[in-house]
Protein backbone atom coordinates (compact mmCIF):
# COMPACT_ATOMS: atom_id res chain seq x y z
CA MET A 1 22.87 4.70 18.31
CA LEU A 2 21.70 6.89 21.16
CA MET A 3 20.68 10.47 20.46
CA ILE A 4 19.99 13.46 22.67
CA LYS A 5 16.68 14.77 21.33
CA LEU A 6 13.95 17.27 22.08
CA GLN A 7 10.62 15.61 22.88
CA ARG A 8 7.62 17.90 22.55
CA VAL A 9 5.25 18.18 25.49
CA GLY A 10 2.67 20.84 26.31
CA LYS A 11 -0.55 22.17 24.86
CA LYS A 12 -1.41 23.31 21.37
CA HIS A 13 0.36 26.55 20.49
CA GLN A 14 2.27 26.37 23.79
CA PRO A 15 5.25 24.16 22.98
CA SER A 16 7.59 22.92 25.64
CA PHE A 17 10.27 20.29 25.18
CA ARG A 18 12.07 17.67 27.24
CA LEU A 19 15.71 16.83 26.64
CA VAL A 20 15.75 13.05 26.42
CA ILE A 21 18.08 10.21 25.49
CA GLN A 22 16.48 7.94 22.89
CA GLU A 23 17.50 5.40 20.32
CA LYS A 24 18.02 7.20 17.00
CA ARG A 25 15.16 5.53 15.17
CA THR A 26 12.48 5.60 17.88
CA LYS A 27 9.42 7.76 17.43
CA LEU A 28 9.50 11.13 19.14
CA ASN A 29 6.85 10.14 21.65
CA GLY A 30 8.36 6.69 22.17
CA ARG A 31 10.16 5.32 25.20
CA SER A 32 13.18 7.33 26.32
CA THR A 33 16.22 6.03 28.17
CA ASP A 34 16.79 9.11 30.32
CA ASP A 35 15.17 12.51 30.87
CA ILE A 36 17.93 15.08 31.38
CA GLY A 37 16.24 18.46 31.18
CA SER A 38 13.67 20.76 29.64
CA TYR A 39 13.48 23.65 27.16
CA ASN A 40 10.80 26.31 26.81
CA PRO A 41 11.17 28.14 23.46
CA ALA A 42 8.69 30.87 24.43
CA THR A 43 10.94 32.08 27.25
CA LYS A 44 14.17 30.62 25.78
CA LYS A 45 14.74 28.89 29.13
CA LEU A 46 16.87 25.75 29.05
CA ALA A 47 17.25 23.74 32.26
CA PHE A 48 19.27 20.53 32.20
CA ASN A 49 21.54 18.34 34.31
CA ALA A 50 25.00 19.15 32.91
CA GLU A 51 26.62 16.12 34.53
CA ARG A 52 24.16 13.74 32.85
CA VAL A 53 24.64 15.48 29.49
CA LYS A 54 28.41 15.12 29.75
CA TYR A 55 28.02 11.49 30.81
CA TRP A 56 25.83 10.62 27.82
CA LEU A 57 28.13 12.50 25.44
CA GLY A 58 31.05 10.56 26.90
CA VAL A 59 29.23 7.25 26.43
CA GLY A 60 28.69 8.07 22.75
CA ALA A 61 25.25 9.69 22.48
CA GLN A 62 25.04 12.20 19.63
CA PRO A 63 22.97 15.39 20.00
CA THR A 64 20.63 16.47 17.21
CA ALA A 65 21.59 19.71 15.46
CA THR A 66 19.17 21.83 17.51
CA VAL A 67 20.25 20.26 20.81
CA HIS A 68 23.90 20.70 19.79
CA ASN A 69 23.31 24.43 19.21
CA LEU A 70 21.51 24.78 22.56
CA LEU A 71 24.43 23.08 24.34
CA VAL A 72 26.92 25.36 22.56
CA ASN A 73 24.93 28.42 23.69
CA ASN A 74 25.06 27.21 27.30
CA GLY A 75 28.77 26.40 27.26
CA VAL A 76 28.56 22.61 27.57
CA LEU A 77 30.13 22.07 24.12
CA LYS A 78 33.08 24.06 22.80
CA GLU A 79 32.36 23.45 19.13
CA PRO A 80 30.91 25.66 16.38
CA LYS A 81 27.18 25.71 15.84
CA ILE A 82 25.57 23.50 13.19
CA PRO A 83 23.38 25.21 10.59
CA VAL A 84 19.88 23.83 11.05
CA HIS A 85 18.02 25.41 8.13
CA LYS A 86 19.78 25.04 4.81
CA LYS A 87 19.12 27.56 2.08
CA SER A 88 17.22 26.21 -0.90
CA LYS A 89 18.97 25.93 -4.25
CA LYS A 90 15.87 26.99 -6.20
CA ASN A 91 16.55 30.73 -6.03
CA PRO A 92 20.26 31.42 -5.59
CA PRO A 93 21.20 34.95 -4.57
CA ALA A 94 21.79 37.39 -7.43
CA SER A 95 25.43 37.88 -6.44
CA ALA A 96 26.26 34.14 -6.66
CA PRO A 97 27.25 34.10 -10.37
CA ALA A 98 29.34 37.22 -9.89
CA ALA A 99 31.12 35.66 -6.91
CA GLU A 100 31.85 32.48 -8.89
CA ALA A 101 33.24 34.52 -11.80
CA ALA A 102 35.46 36.51 -9.45
CA ALA A 103 36.77 33.34 -7.82
CA LYS A 104 37.87 31.80 -11.14
CA PRO A 105 41.01 33.28 -12.68
CA ALA A 106 40.43 34.86 -16.07
CA GLU A 107 41.51 32.61 -18.93
CA THR A 108 43.79 34.27 -21.44
CA PRO A 109 44.31 32.95 -24.95
CA ALA A 110 47.72 31.42 -25.49
CA ALA A 111 50.02 33.69 -27.49
CA ALA A 112 51.34 31.99 -30.65
């Protein structure tokens, strides 16, 4: 399966990324099928060929979650964003048990 991924380029502590089409299981620095743009997270600048992105999406390439969110921000995709960082289940918020208790209806003993 083809994926639209971010491939890191640039110096240490100065990340810059290329938007590339790669097979899903290839290494990040492996051979890419097509180079369709670039992204600089320091300046939040995303430059890409929208026609090529739409072509690859039409052919069946799937964007990674981060690329999907970048495409949603730039209006290429009209879908909701995908949460990238999931919250850990180790320390649930203090209000979680109260919210669960409020969601369940109170059980009343059956009158005999």
